[in-house]
PDB file of N, CA and C in Angstrom:
ATOM      1  N   MET A   1       1.151  -7.682  -7.314  1.00  0.00           N
ATOM      2  CA  MET A   1       2.494  -7.313  -6.751  1.00  0.00           C
ATOM      3  C   MET A   1       3.124  -8.458  -6.087  1.00  0.00           C
ATOM      4  N   ILE A   2       2.423  -9.361  -5.371  1.00  0.00           N
ATOM      5  CA  ILE A   2       3.070 -10.490  -4.742  1.00  0.00           C
ATOM      6  C   ILE A   2       3.783 -11.287  -5.653  1.00  0.00           C
ATOM      7  N   TRP A   3       3.146 -11.592  -6.806  1.00  0.00           N
ATOM      8  CA  TRP A   3       3.644 -12.588  -7.773  1.00  0.00           C
ATOM      9  C   TRP A   3       4.876 -11.969  -8.514  1.00  0.00           C
ATOM     10  N   ASP A   4       4.851 -10.671  -8.761  1.00  0.00           N
ATOM     11  CA  ASP A   4       6.004 -10.066  -9.393  1.00  0.00           C
ATOM     12  C   ASP A   4       7.222 -10.058  -8.434  1.00  0.00           C
ATOM     13  N   SER A   5       6.747  -9.792  -7.111  1.00  0.00           N
ATOM     14  CA  SER A   5       8.007  -9.816  -6.094  1.00  0.00           C
ATOM     15  C   SER A   5       8.527 -11.127  -5.926  1.00  0.00           C
ATOM     16  N   VAL A   6       7.794 -12.159  -6.044  1.00  0.00           N
ATOM     17  CA  VAL A   6       8.194 -13.627  -5.945  1.00  0.00           C
ATOM     18  C   VAL A   6       9.129 -13.782  -7.098  1.00  0.00           C
ATOM     19  N   ARG A   7       8.714 -13.431  -8.351  1.00  0.00           N
ATOM     20  CA  ARG A   7       9.583 -13.790  -9.553  1.00  0.00           C
ATOM     21  C   ARG A   7      10.866 -12.887  -9.456  1.00  0.00           C
ATOM     22  N   VAL A   8      10.738 -11.659  -9.059  1.00  0.00           N
ATOM     23  CA  VAL A   8      11.929 -10.812  -8.911  1.00  0.00           C
ATOM     24  C   VAL A   8      12.906 -11.346  -7.916  1.00  0.00           C
ATOM     25  N   SER A   9      12.383 -11.815  -6.753  1.00  0.00           N
ATOM     26  CA  SER A   9      13.320 -12.478  -5.763  1.00  0.00           C
ATOM     27  C   SER A   9      13.896 -13.675  -6.263  1.00  0.00           C
ATOM     28  N   ARG A  10      13.231 -14.456  -6.972  1.00  0.00           N
ATOM     29  CA  ARG A  10      13.807 -15.652  -7.581  1.00  0.00           C
ATOM     30  C   ARG A  10      14.820 -15.347  -8.555  1.00  0.00           C
ATOM     31  N   GLY A  11      14.642 -14.452  -9.423  1.00  0.00           N
ATOM     32  CA  GLY A  11      15.564 -13.966 -10.441  1.00  0.00           C
ATOM     33  C   GLY A  11      16.895 -13.376  -9.702  1.00  0.00           C
ATOM     34  N   TRP A  12      16.619 -12.744  -8.655  1.00  0.00           N
ATOM     35  CA  TRP A  12      17.857 -12.119  -7.945  1.00  0.00           C
ATOM     36  C   TRP A  12      18.638 -13.215  -7.393  1.00  0.00           C
ATOM     37  N   LEU A  13      17.983 -14.183  -6.635  1.00  0.00           N
ATOM     38  CA  LEU A  13      18.688 -15.229  -6.121  1.00  0.00           C
ATOM     39  C   LEU A  13      19.412 -16.182  -7.118  1.00  0.00           C
ATOM     40  N   ASP A  14      18.692 -16.357  -8.230  1.00  0.00           N
ATOM     41  CA  ASP A  14      19.320 -17.104  -9.337  1.00  0.00           C
ATOM     42  C   ASP A  14      20.735 -16.408  -9.835  1.00  0.00           C
ATOM     43  N   ALA A  15      20.532 -15.056 -10.064  1.00  0.00           N
ATOM     44  CA  ALA A  15      21.774 -14.357 -10.487  1.00  0.00           C
ATOM     45  C   ALA A  15      22.843 -14.289  -9.391  1.00  0.00           C
ATOM     46  N   THR A  16      22.462 -14.222  -8.297  1.00  0.00           N
ATOM     47  CA  THR A  16      23.358 -14.079  -7.131  1.00  0.00           C
ATOM     48  C   THR A  16      24.077 -15.470  -6.782  1.00  0.00           C
ATOM     49  N   ASN A  17      23.212 -16.370  -6.645  1.00  0.00           N
ATOM     50  CA  ASN A  17      23.653 -17.651  -5.981  1.00  0.00           C
ATOM     51  C   ASN A  17      23.631 -18.810  -6.943  1.00  0.00           C
ATOM     52  N   GLY A  18      23.223 -18.700  -8.116  1.00  0.00           N
ATOM     53  CA  GLY A  18      23.051 -19.806  -9.044  1.00  0.00           C
ATOM     54  C   GLY A  18      21.809 -20.467  -8.905  1.00  0.00           C
ATOM     55  N   VAL A  19      21.737 -21.614  -9.772  1.00  0.00           N
ATOM     56  CA  VAL A  19      20.515 -22.303  -9.835  1.00  0.00           C
ATOM     57  C   VAL A  19      20.623 -23.944  -9.724  1.00  0.00           C
ATOM     58  N   GLY A  20      21.674 -24.308  -9.143  1.00  0.00           N
ATOM     59  CA  GLY A  20      22.027 -25.799  -8.976  1.00  0.00           C
ATOM     60  C   GLY A  20      21.172 -26.437  -7.877  1.00  0.00           C
ATOM     61  N   ASP A  21      21.330 -27.765  -7.688  1.00  0.00           N
ATOM     62  CA  ASP A  21      20.488 -28.505  -6.599  1.00  0.00           C
ATOM     63  C   ASP A  21      21.101 -28.032  -5.231  1.00  0.00           C
ATOM     64  N   ALA A  22      22.216 -27.656  -5.076  1.00  0.00           N
ATOM     65  CA  ALA A  22      22.644 -27.076  -3.738  1.00  0.00           C
ATOM     66  C   ALA A  22      21.929 -25.702  -3.402  1.00  0.00           C
ATOM     67  N   GLU A  23      21.919 -24.895  -4.381  1.00  0.00           N
ATOM     68  CA  GLU A  23      21.129 -23.653  -4.198  1.00  0.00           C
ATOM     69  C   GLU A  23      19.585 -23.937  -3.747  1.00  0.00           C
ATOM     70  N   LEU A  24      19.057 -24.767  -4.553  1.00  0.00           N
ATOM     71  CA  LEU A  24      17.618 -25.110  -4.534  1.00  0.00           C
ATOM     72  C   LEU A  24      17.380 -25.762  -3.193  1.00  0.00           C
ATOM     73  N   THR A  25      18.363 -26.511  -2.758  1.00  0.00           N
ATOM     74  CA  THR A  25      18.350 -27.288  -1.328  1.00  0.00           C
ATOM     75  C   THR A  25      18.201 -26.142  -0.259  1.00  0.00           C
ATOM     76  N   CYS A  26      19.130 -25.121  -0.469  1.00  0.00           N
ATOM     77  CA  CYS A  26      19.199 -24.006   0.541  1.00  0.00           C
ATOM     78  C   CYS A  26      17.901 -23.125   0.503  1.00  0.00           C
ATOM     79  N   ARG A  27      17.234 -23.034  -0.630  1.00  0.00           N
ATOM     80  CA  ARG A  27      16.041 -22.157  -0.740  1.00  0.00           C
ATOM     81  C   ARG A  27      14.922 -22.983   0.180  1.00  0.00           C
ATOM     82  N   ILE A  28      14.995 -24.359  -0.135  1.00  0.00           N
ATOM     83  CA  ILE A  28      13.987 -25.016   0.616  1.00  0.00           C
ATOM     84  C   ILE A  28      14.172 -25.179   2.091  1.00  0.00           C
ATOM     85  N   LEU A  29      15.489 -25.281   2.415  1.00  0.00           N
ATOM     86  CA  LEU A  29      15.824 -25.289   3.824  1.00  0.00           C
ATOM     87  C   LEU A  29      15.580 -23.999   4.543  1.00  0.00           C
ATOM     88  N   LYS A  30      15.541 -22.901   3.840  1.00  0.00           N
ATOM     89  CA  LYS A  30      15.254 -21.616   4.287  1.00  0.00           C
ATOM     90  C   LYS A  30      13.849 -21.558   4.934  1.00  0.00           C
ATOM     91  N   LEU A  31      12.940 -22.464   4.372  1.00  0.00           N
ATOM     92  CA  LEU A  31      11.602 -22.466   5.004  1.00  0.00           C
ATOM     93  C   LEU A  31      11.760 -22.954   6.560  1.00  0.00           C
ATOM     94  N   THR A  32      12.649 -23.771   6.806  1.00  0.00           N
ATOM     95  CA  THR A  32      12.762 -24.252   8.152  1.00  0.00           C
ATOM     96  C   THR A  32      13.310 -23.175   9.020  1.00  0.00           C
ATOM     97  N   GLU A  33      14.204 -22.356   8.497  1.00  0.00           N
ATOM     98  CA  GLU A  33      14.741 -21.266   9.194  1.00  0.00           C
ATOM     99  C   GLU A  33      13.698 -20.328   9.604  1.00  0.00           C
ATOM    100  N   GLU A  34      12.854 -19.983   8.546  1.00  0.00           N
ATOM    101  CA  GLU A  34      11.770 -18.983   8.793  1.00  0.00           C
ATOM    102  C   GLU A  34      10.772 -19.479   9.725  1.00  0.00           C
ATOM    103  N   ALA A  35      10.446 -20.860   9.610  1.00  0.00           N
ATOM    104  CA  ALA A  35       9.473 -21.406  10.635  1.00  0.00           C
ATOM    105  C   ALA A  35      10.019 -21.361  12.048  1.00  0.00           C
ATOM    106  N   GLY A  36      11.301 -21.538  12.151  1.00  0.00           N
ATOM    107  CA  GLY A  36      11.884 -21.395  13.461  1.00  0.00           C
ATOM    108  C   GLY A  36      11.717 -19.980  14.062  1.00  0.00           C
ATOM    109  N   GLU A  37      11.815 -18.969  13.165  1.00  0.00           N
ATOM    110  CA  GLU A  37      11.530 -17.511  13.625  1.00  0.00           C
ATOM    111  C   GLU A  37      10.148 -17.326  14.049  1.00  0.00           C
ATOM    112  N   VAL A  38       9.253 -18.021  13.466  1.00  0.00           N
ATOM    113  CA  VAL A  38       7.804 -17.916  13.839  1.00  0.00           C
ATOM    114  C   VAL A  38       7.694 -18.584  15.277  1.00  0.00           C
ATOM    115  N   ALA A  39       8.276 -19.703  15.353  1.00  0.00           N
ATOM    116  CA  ALA A  39       8.197 -20.257  16.805  1.00  0.00           C
ATOM    117  C   ALA A  39       8.883 -19.300  17.835  1.00  0.00           C
ATOM    118  N   GLY A  40       9.918 -18.690  17.538  1.00  0.00           N
ATOM    119  CA  GLY A  40      10.635 -17.832  18.352  1.00  0.00           C
ATOM    120  C   GLY A  40       9.706 -16.664  18.816  1.00  0.00           C
ATOM    121  N   ALA A  41       9.065 -16.164  17.684  1.00  0.00           N
ATOM    122  CA  ALA A  41       8.182 -14.988  17.842  1.00  0.00           C
ATOM    123  C   ALA A  41       7.024 -15.387  18.794  1.00  0.00           C
ATOM    124  N   TRP A  42       6.480 -16.638  18.617  1.00  0.00           N
ATOM    125  CA  TRP A  42       5.309 -16.976  19.385  1.00  0.00           C
ATOM    126  C   TRP A  42       5.701 -17.205  20.778  1.00  0.00           C
ATOM    127  N   ILE A  43       6.868 -17.875  21.068  1.00  0.00           N
ATOM    128  CA  ILE A  43       7.333 -18.057  22.500  1.00  0.00           C
ATOM    129  C   ILE A  43       7.529 -16.657  23.084  1.00  0.00           C
ATOM    130  N   GLY A  44       8.005 -15.630  22.362  1.00  0.00           N
ATOM    131  CA  GLY A  44       8.229 -14.402  22.839  1.00  0.00           C
ATOM    132  C   GLY A  44       6.950 -13.705  23.084  1.00  0.00           C
ATOM    133  N   THR A  45       5.910 -13.996  22.283  1.00  0.00           N
ATOM    134  CA  THR A  45       4.550 -13.374  22.579  1.00  0.00           C
ATOM    135  C   THR A  45       3.977 -13.888  23.893  1.00  0.00           C
ATOM    136  N   LEU A  46       4.221 -15.121  24.143  1.00  0.00           N
ATOM    137  CA  LEU A  46       3.681 -15.779  25.285  1.00  0.00           C
ATOM    138  C   LEU A  46       4.536 -15.581  26.583  1.00  0.00           C
ATOM    139  N   GLY A  47       5.791 -14.990  26.454  1.00  0.00           N
ATOM    140  CA  GLY A  47       6.716 -14.769  27.498  1.00  0.00           C
ATOM    141  C   GLY A  47       7.166 -16.132  28.104  1.00  0.00           C
ATOM    142  N   GLN A  48       7.260 -17.080  27.239  1.00  0.00           N
ATOM    143  CA  GLN A  48       7.517 -18.360  27.688  1.00  0.00           C
ATOM    144  C   GLN A  48       8.939 -18.526  28.272  1.00  0.00           C
ATOM    145  N   ASN A  49       9.892 -17.821  27.740  1.00  0.00           N
ATOM    146  CA  ASN A  49      11.177 -17.761  28.352  1.00  0.00           C
ATOM    147  C   ASN A  49      11.321 -16.809  29.609  1.00  0.00           C
ATOM    148  N   PRO A  50      11.403 -17.374  30.774  1.00  0.00           N
ATOM    149  CA  PRO A  50      11.330 -16.458  31.923  1.00  0.00           C
ATOM    150  C   PRO A  50      12.511 -15.464  31.999  1.00  0.00           C
ATOM    151  N   ARG A  51      13.564 -15.787  31.357  1.00  0.00           N
ATOM    152  CA  ARG A  51      14.847 -14.921  31.356  1.00  0.00           C
ATOM    153  C   ARG A  51      14.555 -13.728  30.430  1.00  0.00           C
ATOM    154  N   LYS A  52      13.718 -13.898  29.413  1.00  0.00           N
ATOM    155  CA  LYS A  52      13.596 -12.865  28.440  1.00  0.00           C
ATOM    156  C   LYS A  52      12.213 -12.119  28.658  1.00  0.00           C
ATOM    157  N   GLY A  53      11.159 -12.961  29.236  1.00  0.00           N
ATOM    158  CA  GLY A  53       9.843 -12.315  29.275  1.00  0.00           C
ATOM    159  C   GLY A  53       9.252 -12.105  27.921  1.00  0.00           C
ATOM    160  N   VAL A  54       8.253 -11.288  27.890  1.00  0.00           N
ATOM    161  CA  VAL A  54       7.535 -11.030  26.539  1.00  0.00           C
ATOM    162  C   VAL A  54       8.371 -10.089  25.742  1.00  0.00           C
ATOM    163  N   THR A  55       8.787 -10.780  24.500  1.00  0.00           N
ATOM    164  CA  THR A  55       9.679  -9.978  23.683  1.00  0.00           C
ATOM    165  C   THR A  55       9.020  -9.685  22.273  1.00  0.00           C
ATOM    166  N   HIS A  56       7.776 -10.241  21.892  1.00  0.00           N
ATOM    167  CA  HIS A  56       7.265 -10.105  20.739  1.00  0.00           C
ATOM    168  C   HIS A  56       5.757  -9.842  20.794  1.00  0.00           C
ATOM    169  N   THR A  57       5.101  -9.557  19.676  1.00  0.00           N
ATOM    170  CA  THR A  57       3.658  -9.311  19.644  1.00  0.00           C
ATOM    171  C   THR A  57       3.106 -10.148  18.599  1.00  0.00           C
ATOM    172  N   ARG A  58       1.736 -10.310  18.595  1.00  0.00           N
ATOM    173  CA  ARG A  58       1.157 -11.027  17.588  1.00  0.00           C
ATOM    174  C   ARG A  58       1.328 -10.459  16.205  1.00  0.00           C
ATOM    175  N   ASP A  59       1.702  -9.187  16.056  1.00  0.00           N
ATOM    176  CA  ASP A  59       1.997  -8.535  14.709  1.00  0.00           C
ATOM    177  C   ASP A  59       3.384  -9.239  14.269  1.00  0.00           C
ATOM    178  N   ASP A  60       4.307  -9.296  15.188  1.00  0.00           N
ATOM    179  CA  ASP A  60       5.644  -9.963  15.031  1.00  0.00           C
ATOM    180  C   ASP A  60       5.375 -11.382  14.368  1.00  0.00           C
ATOM    181  N   VAL A  61       4.461 -12.095  15.027  1.00  0.00           N
ATOM    182  CA  VAL A  61       4.274 -13.440  14.565  1.00  0.00           C
ATOM    183  C   VAL A  61       3.605 -13.475  13.171  1.00  0.00           C
ATOM    184  N   ALA A  62       2.698 -12.583  12.994  1.00  0.00           N
ATOM    185  CA  ALA A  62       2.126 -12.559  11.616  1.00  0.00           C
ATOM    186  C   ALA A  62       3.127 -12.190  10.533  1.00  0.00           C
ATOM    187  N   ALA A  63       4.035 -11.243  10.886  1.00  0.00           N
ATOM    188  CA  ALA A  63       5.128 -10.913   9.910  1.00  0.00           C
ATOM    189  C   ALA A  63       6.094 -12.026   9.707  1.00  0.00           C
ATOM    190  N   GLU A  64       6.235 -12.864  10.715  1.00  0.00           N
ATOM    191  CA  GLU A  64       7.101 -14.091  10.433  1.00  0.00           C
ATOM    192  C   GLU A  64       6.404 -15.090   9.668  1.00  0.00           C
ATOM    193  N   LEU A  65       5.100 -15.250   9.879  1.00  0.00           N
ATOM    194  CA  LEU A  65       4.404 -16.186   9.104  1.00  0.00           C
ATOM    195  C   LEU A  65       4.305 -15.722   7.507  1.00  0.00           C
ATOM    196  N   ALA A  66       4.193 -14.459   7.445  1.00  0.00           N
ATOM    197  CA  ALA A  66       4.315 -13.861   6.012  1.00  0.00           C
ATOM    198  C   ALA A  66       5.644 -14.287   5.323  1.00  0.00           C
ATOM    199  N   ASP A  67       6.788 -14.244   6.183  1.00  0.00           N
ATOM    200  CA  ASP A  67       8.115 -14.482   5.683  1.00  0.00           C
ATOM    201  C   ASP A  67       8.123 -16.023   5.225  1.00  0.00           C
ATOM    202  N   VAL A  68       7.504 -16.801   6.019  1.00  0.00           N
ATOM    203  CA  VAL A  68       7.330 -18.278   5.642  1.00  0.00           C
ATOM    204  C   VAL A  68       6.677 -18.500   4.264  1.00  0.00           C
ATOM    205  N   ALA A  69       5.573 -17.843   4.093  1.00  0.00           N
ATOM    206  CA  ALA A  69       4.732 -17.964   2.964  1.00  0.00           C
ATOM    207  C   ALA A  69       5.517 -17.413   1.664  1.00  0.00           C
ATOM    208  N   PHE A  70       6.110 -16.241   1.905  1.00  0.00           N
ATOM    209  CA  PHE A  70       6.928 -15.748   0.708  1.00  0.00           C
ATOM    210  C   PHE A  70       7.931 -16.612   0.277  1.00  0.00           C
ATOM    211  N   THR A  71       8.764 -17.175   1.285  1.00  0.00           N
ATOM    212  CA  THR A  71       9.858 -17.992   1.016  1.00  0.00           C
ATOM    213  C   THR A  71       9.372 -19.196   0.469  1.00  0.00           C
ATOM    214  N   ALA A  72       8.241 -19.770   0.737  1.00  0.00           N
ATOM    215  CA  ALA A  72       7.776 -20.933   0.226  1.00  0.00           C
ATOM    216  C   ALA A  72       7.366 -20.612  -1.439  1.00  0.00           C
ATOM    217  N   LEU A  73       6.807 -19.497  -1.648  1.00  0.00           N
ATOM    218  CA  LEU A  73       6.515 -19.164  -2.850  1.00  0.00           C
ATOM    219  C   LEU A  73       7.566 -18.937  -3.720  1.00  0.00           C
ATOM    220  N   VAL A  74       8.707 -18.449  -3.265  1.00  0.00           N
ATOM    221  CA  VAL A  74       9.975 -18.416  -4.055  1.00  0.00           C
ATOM    222  C   VAL A  74      10.564 -19.761  -4.328  1.00  0.00           C
ATOM    223  N   ALA A  75      10.444 -20.648  -3.389  1.00  0.00           N
ATOM    224  CA  ALA A  75      10.939 -22.021  -3.479  1.00  0.00           C
ATOM    225  C   ALA A  75      10.197 -22.640  -4.576  1.00  0.00           C
ATOM    226  N   ILE A  76       8.901 -22.513  -4.677  1.00  0.00           N
ATOM    227  CA  ILE A  76       8.060 -23.105  -5.611  1.00  0.00           C
ATOM    228  C   ILE A  76       8.512 -22.632  -7.102  1.00  0.00           C
ATOM    229  N   GLU A  77       8.619 -21.340  -7.216  1.00  0.00           N
ATOM    230  CA  GLU A  77       9.105 -20.846  -8.415  1.00  0.00           C
ATOM    231  C   GLU A  77      10.489 -21.310  -8.817  1.00  0.00           C
ATOM    232  N   SER A  78      11.404 -21.622  -7.904  1.00  0.00           N
ATOM    233  CA  SER A  78      12.661 -21.974  -8.136  1.00  0.00           C
ATOM    234  C   SER A  78      12.707 -23.384  -8.448  1.00  0.00           C
ATOM    235  N   LEU A  79      11.621 -24.137  -8.166  1.00  0.00           N
ATOM    236  CA  LEU A  79      11.552 -25.526  -8.618  1.00  0.00           C
ATOM    237  C   LEU A  79      11.036 -25.635 -10.183  1.00  0.00           C
ATOM    238  N   GLY A  80      10.666 -24.484 -10.665  1.00  0.00           N
ATOM    239  CA  GLY A  80      10.291 -24.310 -12.126  1.00  0.00           C
ATOM    240  C   GLY A  80       8.796 -24.265 -12.287  1.00  0.00           C
ATOM    241  N   PHE A  81       8.110 -24.083 -11.202  1.00  0.00           N
ATOM    242  CA  PHE A  81       6.610 -24.101 -11.226  1.00  0.00           C
ATOM    243  C   PHE A  81       6.030 -22.746 -11.040  1.00  0.00           C
ATOM    244  N   ASP A  82       4.860 -22.483 -11.438  1.00  0.00           N
ATOM    245  CA  ASP A  82       4.199 -21.115 -11.194  1.00  0.00           C
ATOM    246  C   ASP A  82       3.592 -21.174  -9.730  1.00  0.00           C
ATOM    247  N   ALA A  83       4.249 -20.290  -8.994  1.00  0.00           N
ATOM    248  CA  ALA A  83       3.605 -20.223  -7.532  1.00  0.00           C
ATOM    249  C   ALA A  83       2.263 -19.982  -7.387  1.00  0.00           C
ATOM    250  N   ARG A  84       1.761 -19.053  -8.255  1.00  0.00           N
ATOM    251  CA  ARG A  84       0.295 -18.713  -8.146  1.00  0.00           C
ATOM    252  C   ARG A  84      -0.573 -19.883  -8.463  1.00  0.00           C
ATOM    253  N   SER A  85      -0.278 -20.606  -9.424  1.00  0.00           N
ATOM    254  CA  SER A  85      -1.019 -21.894  -9.842  1.00  0.00           C
ATOM    255  C   SER A  85      -0.895 -22.951  -8.645  1.00  0.00           C
ATOM    256  N   ALA A  86       0.296 -23.084  -8.203  1.00  0.00           N
ATOM    257  CA  ALA A  86       0.468 -24.082  -7.164  1.00  0.00           C
ATOM    258  C   ALA A  86      -0.309 -23.777  -5.821  1.00  0.00           C
ATOM    259  N   LEU A  87      -0.348 -22.482  -5.549  1.00  0.00           N
ATOM    260  CA  LEU A  87      -1.117 -22.083  -4.337  1.00  0.00           C
ATOM    261  C   LEU A  87      -2.562 -22.254  -4.605  1.00  0.00           C
ATOM    262  N   ALA A  88      -3.002 -21.896  -5.826  1.00  0.00           N
ATOM    263  CA  ALA A  88      -4.499 -21.993  -6.161  1.00  0.00           C
ATOM    264  C   ALA A  88      -4.906 -23.484  -6.054  1.00  0.00           C
ATOM    265  N   GLN A  89      -4.026 -24.340  -6.657  1.00  0.00           N
ATOM    266  CA  GLN A  89      -4.373 -25.851  -6.549  1.00  0.00           C
ATOM    267  C   GLN A  89      -4.511 -26.321  -5.090  1.00  0.00           C
ATOM    268  N   CYS A  90      -3.538 -25.748  -4.341  1.00  0.00           N
ATOM    269  CA  CYS A  90      -3.660 -26.104  -2.889  1.00  0.00           C
ATOM    270  C   CYS A  90      -4.854 -25.675  -2.259  1.00  0.00           C
ATOM    271  N   ALA A  91      -5.213 -24.405  -2.427  1.00  0.00           N
ATOM    272  CA  ALA A  91      -6.400 -23.892  -1.929  1.00  0.00           C
ATOM    273  C   ALA A  91      -7.664 -24.634  -2.393  1.00  0.00           C
ATOM    274  N   ALA A  92      -7.722 -24.988  -3.580  1.00  0.00           N
ATOM    275  CA  ALA A  92      -8.829 -25.738  -4.229  1.00  0.00           C
ATOM    276  C   ALA A  92      -8.875 -27.123  -3.480  1.00  0.00           C
ATOM    277  N   LYS A  93      -7.726 -27.799  -3.186  1.00  0.00           N
ATOM    278  CA  LYS A  93      -7.723 -29.053  -2.539  1.00  0.00           C
ATOM    279  C   LYS A  93      -8.247 -28.862  -1.111  1.00  0.00           C
ATOM    280  N   VAL A  94      -7.837 -27.903  -0.442  1.00  0.00           N
ATOM    281  CA  VAL A  94      -8.231 -27.762   0.893  1.00  0.00           C
ATOM    282  C   VAL A  94      -9.644 -27.372   0.970  1.00  0.00           C
ATOM    283  N   ARG A  95     -10.092 -26.604   0.099  1.00  0.00           N
ATOM    284  CA  ARG A  95     -11.561 -26.189  -0.021  1.00  0.00           C
ATOM    285  C   ARG A  95     -12.514 -27.338  -0.273  1.00  0.00           C
ATOM    286  N   SER A  96     -12.003 -28.339  -1.062  1.00  0.00           N
ATOM    287  CA  SER A  96     -12.839 -29.420  -1.506  1.00  0.00           C
ATOM    288  C   SER A  96     -12.925 -30.377  -0.161  1.00  0.00           C
ATOM    289  N   ARG A  97     -11.960 -30.338   0.705  1.00  0.00           N
ATOM    290  CA  ARG A  97     -12.078 -31.191   1.921  1.00  0.00           C
ATOM    291  C   ARG A  97     -13.086 -30.636   2.936  1.00  0.00           C
ATOM    292  N   ILE A  98     -13.224 -29.381   2.841  1.00  0.00           N
ATOM    293  CA  ILE A  98     -14.296 -28.676   3.786  1.00  0.00           C
ATOM    294  C   ILE A  98     -15.573 -28.324   3.336  1.00  0.00           C
ATOM    295  N   SER A  99     -15.737 -28.502   2.039  1.00  0.00           N
ATOM    296  CA  SER A  99     -17.080 -28.208   1.454  1.00  0.00           C
ATOM    297  C   SER A  99     -18.085 -29.339   1.644  1.00  0.00           C
TER     298      SER A  99
END
């Protein structure tokens, strides 16, 4: 289901926004936006902003991290690669370092 959703999302973005380098740049930069939301959620979990207090939970942080992961997979597909293979190769590389 994840991989189908990634491909459907990429297709929707392609059809809606086009496929040029400017669009690809935006899809890659979207990762930064999503990572910022993770940081904001974590700050909110810790209550680090005294004006706002505790505004998020660890569940919120996990959901934001999932957004980052999904956005990355869509960006990989948008580059013309198979996201499932790219992720498997990454996992194998990491595994080889710790085995």
